[in-house]
């Protein structure tokens, strides 16, 4: 009887790391969303966004970091790293960030935005999920977000502010 209990105990101890690795591999990117785009005092865009990840396993999972790069019309407009944290079991966690970007849309993109046409931002993300800091699995996701509607009022304000400033000097 003791041998059976000891065997079961050893199997459970050996199986737990495999379940941990399975859990790391099962973390899902649910979404990457832009909540707001505004202007700072220097008329640079300020982006408030969040990446949402889901942990479907029965143990907490540690996210080390999330790297992201965003493009509009093939031009890189922002990139960075979001600090990680632990996602509790069977739950989602949002990783919010704010970034000021020094991006000026080209004439074609600016016209499309001001005319209300579809302009998309493509975001490539990579999240590093770890277990005991020895095992790391990287998950990748590419998302497309329609930013024309979000950006139109901001771009209109930016154009007005620049026009007013230029009119002040004439």
N, C-alpha and C. Protein backbone atom coordinates (compact mmCIF):
# COMPACT_ATOMS: atom_id res chain seq x y z
N UNK A 1 0.81 -1.19 0.00
CA UNK A 1 0.00 0.00 0.00
C UNK A 1 0.85 1.26 0.00
N UNK A 2 1.95 1.23 0.80
CA UNK A 2 2.83 2.37 0.87
C UNK A 2 3.50 2.61 -0.48
N UNK A 3 3.82 1.53 -1.19
CA UNK A 3 4.45 1.67 -2.50
C UNK A 3 3.50 2.33 -3.50
N UNK A 4 2.23 2.00 -3.42
CA UNK A 4 1.24 2.60 -4.33
C UNK A 4 1.09 4.08 -4.03
N UNK A 5 0.99 4.44 -2.77
CA UNK A 5 0.86 5.85 -2.39
C UNK A 5 2.12 6.61 -2.79
N UNK A 6 3.28 6.03 -2.55
CA UNK A 6 4.54 6.66 -2.93
C UNK A 6 4.63 6.81 -4.45
N UNK A 7 4.20 5.81 -5.19
CA UNK A 7 4.21 5.87 -6.66
C UNK A 7 3.29 6.98 -7.16
N UNK A 8 2.11 7.09 -6.59
CA UNK A 8 1.17 8.13 -6.98
C UNK A 8 1.76 9.51 -6.67
N UNK A 9 2.36 9.63 -5.50
CA UNK A 9 2.97 10.89 -5.10
C UNK A 9 4.09 11.29 -6.08
N UNK A 10 4.94 10.36 -6.45
CA UNK A 10 6.03 10.64 -7.39
C UNK A 10 5.48 11.01 -8.76
N UNK A 11 4.47 10.32 -9.20
CA UNK A 11 3.86 10.65 -10.50
C UNK A 11 3.29 12.07 -10.48
N UNK A 12 2.62 12.43 -9.39
CA UNK A 12 2.06 13.78 -9.28
C UNK A 12 3.17 14.84 -9.27
N UNK A 13 4.24 14.58 -8.56
CA UNK A 13 5.36 15.53 -8.52
C UNK A 13 5.98 15.69 -9.90
N UNK A 14 6.12 14.60 -10.64
CA UNK A 14 6.69 14.67 -11.98
C UNK A 14 5.72 15.28 -12.99
N UNK A 15 4.44 15.07 -12.78
CA UNK A 15 3.44 15.58 -13.73
C UNK A 15 3.21 17.08 -13.60
N UNK A 16 3.40 17.63 -12.41
CA UNK A 16 3.11 19.04 -12.20
C UNK A 16 3.93 19.97 -13.12
N UNK A 17 5.24 19.77 -13.29
CA UNK A 17 5.97 20.64 -14.23
C UNK A 17 5.44 20.55 -15.66
N UNK A 18 5.00 19.36 -16.07
CA UNK A 18 4.44 19.22 -17.42
C UNK A 18 3.12 19.99 -17.54
N UNK A 19 2.34 19.95 -16.46
CA UNK A 19 1.10 20.73 -16.47
C UNK A 19 1.41 22.22 -16.50
N UNK A 20 2.46 22.63 -15.79
CA UNK A 20 2.88 24.04 -15.82
C UNK A 20 3.24 24.43 -17.24
N UNK A 21 4.02 23.62 -17.93
CA UNK A 21 4.39 23.93 -19.32
C UNK A 21 3.17 23.95 -20.22
N UNK A 22 2.25 23.04 -20.00
CA UNK A 22 1.00 23.04 -20.76
C UNK A 22 0.24 24.35 -20.51
N UNK A 23 0.21 24.77 -19.25
CA UNK A 23 -0.50 26.01 -18.88
C UNK A 23 0.14 27.22 -19.56
N UNK A 24 1.45 27.26 -19.60
CA UNK A 24 2.14 28.37 -20.26
C UNK A 24 1.75 28.43 -21.72
N UNK A 25 1.69 27.27 -22.33
CA UNK A 25 1.39 27.20 -23.76
C UNK A 25 -0.08 27.50 -24.07
N UNK A 26 -0.94 27.42 -23.07
CA UNK A 26 -2.37 27.62 -23.32
C UNK A 26 -2.84 29.06 -23.09
N UNK A 27 -1.96 29.95 -22.62
CA UNK A 27 -2.34 31.35 -22.43
C UNK A 27 -2.71 31.94 -23.79
N UNK A 28 -3.83 32.67 -23.82
CA UNK A 28 -4.35 33.19 -25.09
C UNK A 28 -4.38 34.72 -25.09
N UNK A 29 -3.99 35.31 -26.23
CA UNK A 29 -4.21 36.74 -26.44
C UNK A 29 -5.68 36.89 -26.79
N UNK A 30 -6.42 37.64 -26.00
CA UNK A 30 -7.82 37.86 -26.34
C UNK A 30 -7.96 39.07 -27.24
N UNK A 31 -7.25 40.14 -26.92
CA UNK A 31 -7.41 41.34 -27.73
C UNK A 31 -6.28 42.34 -27.47
N UNK A 32 -6.16 43.26 -28.37
CA UNK A 32 -5.32 44.44 -28.20
C UNK A 32 -6.19 45.60 -28.64
N UNK A 33 -6.45 46.52 -27.74
CA UNK A 33 -7.38 47.60 -28.08
C UNK A 33 -6.78 48.96 -27.74
N UNK A 34 -7.21 49.95 -28.52
CA UNK A 34 -6.84 51.34 -28.27
C UNK A 34 -8.06 52.01 -27.66
N UNK A 35 -7.93 52.47 -26.41
CA UNK A 35 -9.06 53.12 -25.74
C UNK A 35 -9.17 54.59 -26.15
N UNK A 36 -8.02 55.25 -26.29
CA UNK A 36 -8.05 56.69 -26.57
C UNK A 36 -6.76 57.13 -27.24
N UNK A 37 -6.90 58.08 -28.14
CA UNK A 37 -5.75 58.78 -28.71
C UNK A 37 -6.01 60.26 -28.48
N UNK A 38 -5.05 60.93 -27.85
CA UNK A 38 -5.20 62.35 -27.56
C UNK A 38 -3.93 63.08 -27.98
N UNK A 39 -3.89 64.37 -27.69
CA UNK A 39 -2.72 65.20 -28.01
C UNK A 39 -2.10 65.73 -26.73
N UNK A 40 -0.78 65.79 -26.70
CA UNK A 40 -0.13 66.43 -25.57
C UNK A 40 0.14 67.90 -25.90
N UNK A 41 0.82 68.61 -25.04
CA UNK A 41 1.04 70.05 -25.24
C UNK A 41 1.94 70.35 -26.43
N UNK A 42 2.72 69.37 -26.88
CA UNK A 42 3.58 69.56 -28.05
C UNK A 42 2.93 69.06 -29.33
N UNK A 43 1.64 68.74 -29.27
CA UNK A 43 0.85 68.22 -30.38
C UNK A 43 1.32 66.85 -30.87
N UNK A 44 1.86 66.06 -29.95
CA UNK A 44 2.18 64.66 -30.23
C UNK A 44 1.00 63.80 -29.82
N UNK A 45 0.83 62.70 -30.51
CA UNK A 45 -0.25 61.77 -30.17
C UNK A 45 0.11 61.01 -28.89
N UNK A 46 -0.87 60.84 -28.02
CA UNK A 46 -0.73 60.03 -26.81
C UNK A 46 -1.72 58.88 -26.95
N UNK A 47 -1.21 57.66 -26.95
CA UNK A 47 -2.03 56.47 -27.16
C UNK A 47 -2.22 55.75 -25.83
N UNK A 48 -3.47 55.51 -25.47
CA UNK A 48 -3.82 54.68 -24.31
C UNK A 48 -4.39 53.38 -24.86
N UNK A 49 -3.73 52.28 -24.55
CA UNK A 49 -4.14 50.99 -25.11
C UNK A 49 -3.98 49.89 -24.06
N UNK A 50 -4.44 48.70 -24.42
CA UNK A 50 -4.32 47.56 -23.51
C UNK A 50 -4.28 46.26 -24.29
N UNK A 51 -3.47 45.35 -23.80
CA UNK A 51 -3.46 43.97 -24.30
C UNK A 51 -4.17 43.13 -23.26
N UNK A 52 -5.06 42.24 -23.70
CA UNK A 52 -5.81 41.39 -22.77
C UNK A 52 -5.44 39.94 -23.03
N UNK A 53 -5.00 39.24 -21.98
CA UNK A 53 -4.61 37.84 -22.07
C UNK A 53 -5.50 37.01 -21.15
N UNK A 54 -5.71 35.74 -21.53
CA UNK A 54 -6.55 34.84 -20.77
C UNK A 54 -5.76 33.61 -20.37
N UNK A 55 -5.89 33.21 -19.11
CA UNK A 55 -5.26 32.00 -18.58
C UNK A 55 -6.34 30.96 -18.35
N UNK A 56 -6.46 29.94 -19.22
CA UNK A 56 -7.51 28.94 -19.06
C UNK A 56 -7.16 27.81 -18.09
N UNK A 57 -5.96 27.82 -17.54
CA UNK A 57 -5.53 26.69 -16.70
C UNK A 57 -5.96 26.87 -15.24
N UNK A 58 -5.67 25.86 -14.44
CA UNK A 58 -6.05 25.85 -13.03
C UNK A 58 -4.92 26.30 -12.12
N UNK A 59 -3.89 26.93 -12.68
CA UNK A 59 -2.81 27.51 -11.88
C UNK A 59 -2.49 28.90 -12.42
N UNK A 60 -2.01 29.80 -11.56
CA UNK A 60 -1.64 31.14 -12.04
C UNK A 60 -0.46 31.05 -13.00
N UNK A 61 -0.40 32.00 -13.94
CA UNK A 61 0.68 32.02 -14.93
C UNK A 61 1.35 33.39 -14.88
N UNK A 62 2.67 33.39 -14.90
CA UNK A 62 3.46 34.62 -14.84
C UNK A 62 3.78 35.12 -16.25
N UNK A 63 3.35 36.35 -16.55
CA UNK A 63 3.71 37.01 -17.81
C UNK A 63 4.94 37.86 -17.51
N UNK A 64 6.05 37.60 -18.18
CA UNK A 64 7.27 38.37 -17.95
C UNK A 64 7.15 39.76 -18.57
N UNK A 65 6.78 39.80 -19.85
CA UNK A 65 6.64 41.08 -20.55
C UNK A 65 5.88 40.86 -21.86
N UNK A 66 5.36 41.96 -22.38
CA UNK A 66 4.68 41.94 -23.68
C UNK A 66 5.35 43.00 -24.55
N UNK A 67 5.91 42.58 -25.66
CA UNK A 67 6.52 43.51 -26.61
C UNK A 67 5.52 43.79 -27.73
N UNK A 68 5.51 45.04 -28.20
CA UNK A 68 4.57 45.40 -29.27
C UNK A 68 5.22 46.35 -30.26
N UNK A 69 4.75 46.27 -31.49
CA UNK A 69 5.15 47.18 -32.56
C UNK A 69 3.89 47.47 -33.36
N UNK A 70 3.65 48.76 -33.66
CA UNK A 70 2.43 49.14 -34.39
C UNK A 70 2.82 49.87 -35.68
N UNK A 71 2.07 49.57 -36.73
CA UNK A 71 2.31 50.16 -38.05
C UNK A 71 1.02 50.75 -38.60
N UNK A 72 1.16 51.88 -39.30
CA UNK A 72 0.07 52.45 -40.08
C UNK A 72 0.62 52.65 -41.49
N UNK A 73 -0.07 52.09 -42.47
CA UNK A 73 0.36 52.16 -43.88
C UNK A 73 1.81 51.69 -44.05
N UNK A 74 2.21 50.67 -43.30
CA UNK A 74 3.55 50.11 -43.40
C UNK A 74 4.62 50.88 -42.66
N UNK A 75 4.28 52.01 -42.05
CA UNK A 75 5.25 52.83 -41.32
C UNK A 75 5.13 52.52 -39.82
N UNK A 76 6.26 52.21 -39.18
CA UNK A 76 6.25 51.95 -37.74
C UNK A 76 5.96 53.26 -37.02
N UNK A 77 4.94 53.25 -36.18
CA UNK A 77 4.58 54.47 -35.46
C UNK A 77 4.84 54.37 -33.96
N UNK A 78 4.89 53.16 -33.41
CA UNK A 78 5.20 53.01 -31.99
C UNK A 78 5.67 51.60 -31.71
N UNK A 79 6.44 51.48 -30.64
CA UNK A 79 6.86 50.18 -30.15
C UNK A 79 7.23 50.31 -28.69
N UNK A 80 7.24 49.22 -27.99
CA UNK A 80 7.59 49.26 -26.59
C UNK A 80 7.42 47.93 -25.91
N UNK A 81 7.57 47.97 -24.59
CA UNK A 81 7.45 46.78 -23.76
C UNK A 81 6.50 47.09 -22.61
N UNK A 82 5.53 46.21 -22.41
CA UNK A 82 4.59 46.34 -21.30
C UNK A 82 5.07 45.38 -20.20
N UNK A 83 5.18 45.89 -18.99
CA UNK A 83 5.60 45.06 -17.86
C UNK A 83 4.57 43.97 -17.60
N UNK A 84 5.06 42.82 -17.22
CA UNK A 84 4.18 41.69 -16.98
C UNK A 84 3.66 41.63 -15.56
N UNK A 85 2.84 40.64 -15.31
CA UNK A 85 2.32 40.34 -13.98
C UNK A 85 1.74 38.93 -14.02
N UNK A 86 1.14 38.52 -12.94
CA UNK A 86 0.57 37.18 -12.85
C UNK A 86 -0.90 37.20 -13.25
N UNK A 87 -1.27 36.25 -14.09
CA UNK A 87 -2.68 36.08 -14.44
C UNK A 87 -3.23 34.97 -13.56
N UNK A 88 -4.24 35.28 -12.75
CA UNK A 88 -4.83 34.23 -11.89
C UNK A 88 -5.45 33.10 -12.72
N UNK A 89 -5.69 31.98 -12.06
CA UNK A 89 -6.26 30.84 -12.75
C UNK A 89 -7.63 31.17 -13.31
N UNK A 90 -7.91 30.62 -14.47
CA UNK A 90 -9.21 30.75 -15.15
C UNK A 90 -9.70 32.19 -15.23
N UNK A 91 -8.81 33.12 -15.57
CA UNK A 91 -9.24 34.52 -15.67
C UNK A 91 -8.44 35.28 -16.72
N UNK A 92 -8.92 36.48 -17.01
CA UNK A 92 -8.27 37.38 -17.96
C UNK A 92 -7.61 38.51 -17.21
N UNK A 93 -6.59 39.07 -17.81
CA UNK A 93 -5.88 40.20 -17.23
C UNK A 93 -5.58 41.20 -18.34
N UNK A 94 -5.84 42.47 -18.05
CA UNK A 94 -5.52 43.53 -19.02
C UNK A 94 -4.19 44.16 -18.64
N UNK A 95 -3.37 44.40 -19.64
CA UNK A 95 -2.08 45.03 -19.46
C UNK A 95 -2.13 46.37 -20.19
N UNK A 96 -2.45 47.42 -19.43
CA UNK A 96 -2.65 48.75 -20.03
C UNK A 96 -1.33 49.50 -20.12
N UNK A 97 -1.26 50.41 -21.09
CA UNK A 97 -0.09 51.27 -21.21
C UNK A 97 -0.47 52.57 -21.90
N UNK A 98 0.41 53.54 -21.75
CA UNK A 98 0.24 54.83 -22.42
C UNK A 98 1.58 55.16 -23.07
N UNK A 99 1.52 55.61 -24.32
CA UNK A 99 2.75 55.96 -25.02
C UNK A 99 2.54 57.21 -25.85
N UNK A 100 3.49 58.14 -25.74
CA UNK A 100 3.50 59.33 -26.59
C UNK A 100 4.29 58.98 -27.84
N UNK A 101 3.71 59.27 -28.99
CA UNK A 101 4.40 58.95 -30.24
C UNK A 101 4.60 60.22 -31.06
N UNK A 102 5.75 60.30 -31.64
CA UNK A 102 6.11 61.43 -32.48
C UNK A 102 5.89 61.03 -33.93
N UNK A 103 4.63 60.82 -34.28
CA UNK A 103 4.28 60.38 -35.63
C UNK A 103 3.45 61.45 -36.30
N UNK A 104 3.84 61.77 -37.49
CA UNK A 104 3.07 62.70 -38.32
C UNK A 104 2.62 61.92 -39.54
N UNK A 105 1.30 61.77 -39.71
CA UNK A 105 0.83 61.00 -40.87
C UNK A 105 1.22 61.69 -42.17
N UNK A 106 1.53 60.88 -43.18
CA UNK A 106 1.80 61.48 -44.49
C UNK A 106 0.50 62.10 -45.02
N UNK A 107 0.61 62.88 -46.07
CA UNK A 107 -0.54 63.62 -46.61
C UNK A 107 -1.68 62.67 -46.98
N UNK A 108 -1.35 61.57 -47.63
CA UNK A 108 -2.38 60.62 -48.06
C UNK A 108 -3.14 60.04 -46.86
N UNK A 109 -2.40 59.64 -45.83
CA UNK A 109 -3.03 59.06 -44.64
C UNK A 109 -3.84 60.12 -43.89
N UNK A 110 -3.30 61.33 -43.76
CA UNK A 110 -4.02 62.42 -43.08
C UNK A 110 -5.32 62.75 -43.81
N UNK A 111 -5.27 62.80 -45.13
CA UNK A 111 -6.48 63.09 -45.91
C UNK A 111 -7.52 61.97 -45.73
N UNK A 112 -7.07 60.73 -45.75
CA UNK A 112 -7.99 59.61 -45.57
C UNK A 112 -8.67 59.70 -44.19
N UNK A 113 -7.89 60.04 -43.16
CA UNK A 113 -8.45 60.14 -41.81
C UNK A 113 -9.44 61.29 -41.73
N UNK A 114 -9.07 62.46 -42.23
CA UNK A 114 -9.97 63.63 -42.14
C UNK A 114 -11.22 63.46 -42.99
N UNK A 115 -11.14 62.62 -44.03
CA UNK A 115 -12.32 62.36 -44.86
C UNK A 115 -13.16 61.20 -44.33
N UNK A 116 -12.75 60.63 -43.20
CA UNK A 116 -13.52 59.56 -42.58
C UNK A 116 -13.34 58.20 -43.22
N UNK A 117 -12.28 58.02 -44.01
CA UNK A 117 -12.04 56.72 -44.64
C UNK A 117 -11.38 55.76 -43.65
N UNK A 118 -11.44 54.48 -43.99
CA UNK A 118 -10.84 53.47 -43.13
C UNK A 118 -9.32 53.57 -43.16
N UNK A 119 -8.73 53.70 -41.99
CA UNK A 119 -7.28 53.65 -41.83
C UNK A 119 -7.03 52.66 -40.70
N UNK A 120 -6.20 51.67 -40.96
CA UNK A 120 -5.97 50.64 -39.96
C UNK A 120 -4.56 50.71 -39.40
N UNK A 121 -4.47 50.28 -38.15
CA UNK A 121 -3.18 50.13 -37.49
C UNK A 121 -2.99 48.63 -37.25
N UNK A 122 -1.84 48.12 -37.65
CA UNK A 122 -1.51 46.72 -37.43
C UNK A 122 -0.56 46.65 -36.24
N UNK A 123 -0.89 45.82 -35.28
CA UNK A 123 -0.09 45.68 -34.07
C UNK A 123 0.39 44.24 -33.96
N UNK A 124 1.71 44.08 -33.88
CA UNK A 124 2.31 42.77 -33.65
C UNK A 124 2.73 42.72 -32.19
N UNK A 125 2.27 41.69 -31.48
CA UNK A 125 2.61 41.55 -30.06
C UNK A 125 3.24 40.20 -29.80
N UNK A 126 4.14 40.17 -28.82
CA UNK A 126 4.76 38.94 -28.36
C UNK A 126 4.75 38.97 -26.84
N UNK A 127 4.21 37.94 -26.22
CA UNK A 127 4.17 37.86 -24.76
C UNK A 127 5.05 36.70 -24.30
N UNK A 128 5.91 36.97 -23.33
CA UNK A 128 6.74 35.93 -22.74
C UNK A 128 6.06 35.45 -21.46
N UNK A 129 5.74 34.15 -21.42
CA UNK A 129 5.12 33.53 -20.27
C UNK A 129 6.16 32.60 -19.66
N UNK A 130 6.31 32.65 -18.31
CA UNK A 130 7.39 31.86 -17.72
C UNK A 130 6.92 31.00 -16.55
N UNK A 131 7.72 29.98 -16.28
CA UNK A 131 7.51 29.09 -15.15
C UNK A 131 8.85 28.91 -14.47
N UNK A 132 8.93 29.27 -13.20
CA UNK A 132 10.17 29.19 -12.42
C UNK A 132 11.35 29.88 -13.10
N UNK A 133 11.06 30.81 -13.96
CA UNK A 133 12.04 31.61 -14.68
C UNK A 133 12.97 30.76 -15.56
N UNK A 134 12.85 29.44 -15.53
CA UNK A 134 13.69 28.59 -16.37
C UNK A 134 13.04 28.32 -17.72
N UNK A 135 11.72 28.17 -17.70
CA UNK A 135 11.00 27.86 -18.91
C UNK A 135 10.25 29.11 -19.37
N UNK A 136 10.44 29.48 -20.61
CA UNK A 136 9.73 30.62 -21.16
C UNK A 136 9.14 30.22 -22.50
N UNK A 137 7.88 30.55 -22.70
CA UNK A 137 7.20 30.32 -23.96
C UNK A 137 6.73 31.68 -24.46
N UNK A 138 6.94 31.95 -25.74
CA UNK A 138 6.54 33.22 -26.32
C UNK A 138 5.33 33.01 -27.23
N UNK A 139 4.28 33.76 -26.94
CA UNK A 139 3.09 33.73 -27.77
C UNK A 139 3.04 34.97 -28.64
N UNK A 140 2.62 34.82 -29.88
CA UNK A 140 2.59 35.94 -30.81
C UNK A 140 1.17 36.16 -31.33
N UNK A 141 0.84 37.41 -31.57
CA UNK A 141 -0.46 37.73 -32.15
C UNK A 141 -0.33 39.01 -32.95
N UNK A 142 -1.03 39.04 -34.06
CA UNK A 142 -1.10 40.26 -34.86
C UNK A 142 -2.56 40.68 -34.93
N UNK A 143 -2.80 41.95 -34.61
CA UNK A 143 -4.16 42.49 -34.60
C UNK A 143 -4.23 43.69 -35.52
N UNK A 144 -5.42 43.93 -36.04
CA UNK A 144 -5.66 45.10 -36.87
C UNK A 144 -6.77 45.91 -36.22
N UNK A 145 -6.53 47.20 -36.04
CA UNK A 145 -7.50 48.08 -35.40
C UNK A 145 -7.81 49.23 -36.33
N UNK A 146 -9.09 49.53 -36.51
CA UNK A 146 -9.53 50.67 -37.29
C UNK A 146 -9.31 51.92 -36.44
N UNK A 147 -8.35 52.76 -36.81
CA UNK A 147 -8.05 53.94 -36.01
C UNK A 147 -8.54 55.24 -36.64
N UNK A 148 -9.04 55.19 -37.85
CA UNK A 148 -9.49 56.41 -38.52
C UNK A 148 -10.53 57.18 -37.72
N UNK A 149 -11.53 56.46 -37.19
CA UNK A 149 -12.60 57.11 -36.44
C UNK A 149 -12.10 57.65 -35.10
N UNK A 150 -11.17 56.92 -34.48
CA UNK A 150 -10.59 57.38 -33.21
C UNK A 150 -9.70 58.60 -33.45
N UNK A 151 -8.97 58.57 -34.55
CA UNK A 151 -7.95 59.59 -34.82
C UNK A 151 -8.49 60.85 -35.47
N UNK A 152 -9.65 60.78 -36.13
CA UNK A 152 -10.18 61.93 -36.87
C UNK A 152 -10.35 63.18 -36.00
N UNK A 153 -11.04 63.12 -34.86
CA UNK A 153 -11.19 64.34 -34.07
C UNK A 153 -9.85 64.86 -33.54
N UNK A 154 -8.95 63.95 -33.22
CA UNK A 154 -7.64 64.35 -32.72
C UNK A 154 -6.84 65.03 -33.82
N UNK A 155 -6.85 64.45 -35.01
CA UNK A 155 -6.13 65.03 -36.14
C UNK A 155 -6.75 66.38 -36.54
N UNK A 156 -8.07 66.47 -36.49
CA UNK A 156 -8.72 67.76 -36.78
C UNK A 156 -8.26 68.83 -35.79
N UNK A 157 -8.17 68.48 -34.48
CA UNK A 157 -7.68 69.43 -33.47
C UNK A 157 -6.22 69.80 -33.72
N UNK A 158 -5.43 68.81 -34.13
CA UNK A 158 -4.02 69.07 -34.39
C UNK A 158 -3.87 70.02 -35.58
N UNK A 159 -4.62 69.79 -36.63
CA UNK A 159 -4.56 70.66 -37.81
C UNK A 159 -5.01 72.07 -37.44
N UNK A 160 -6.06 72.19 -36.65
CA UNK A 160 -6.56 73.50 -36.21
C UNK A 160 -5.51 74.21 -35.36
N UNK A 161 -4.89 73.50 -34.44
CA UNK A 161 -3.88 74.11 -33.58
C UNK A 161 -2.68 74.59 -34.39
N UNK A 162 -2.26 73.81 -35.35
CA UNK A 162 -1.12 74.20 -36.19
C UNK A 162 -1.52 75.40 -37.07
N UNK A 163 -2.72 75.37 -37.62
CA UNK A 163 -3.21 76.48 -38.45
C UNK A 163 -3.30 77.77 -37.63
N UNK A 164 -3.81 77.67 -36.40
CA UNK A 164 -3.91 78.83 -35.52
C UNK A 164 -2.53 79.39 -35.18
N UNK A 165 -1.59 78.47 -34.93
CA UNK A 165 -0.24 78.91 -34.60
C UNK A 165 0.40 79.61 -35.80
N UNK A 166 0.20 79.07 -36.98
CA UNK A 166 0.76 79.70 -38.19
C UNK A 166 0.07 81.03 -38.46
N UNK A 167 -1.24 81.12 -38.21
CA UNK A 167 -1.97 82.37 -38.40
C UNK A 167 -1.50 83.44 -37.43
N UNK A 168 -1.05 83.03 -36.25
CA UNK A 168 -0.55 83.97 -35.24
C UNK A 168 0.69 84.69 -35.74
N UNK A 169 1.50 84.00 -36.53
CA UNK A 169 2.75 84.59 -37.02
C UNK A 169 2.56 85.44 -38.26
N UNK A 170 1.44 85.41 -38.91
CA UNK A 170 1.26 86.19 -40.14
C UNK A 170 0.68 87.57 -39.89
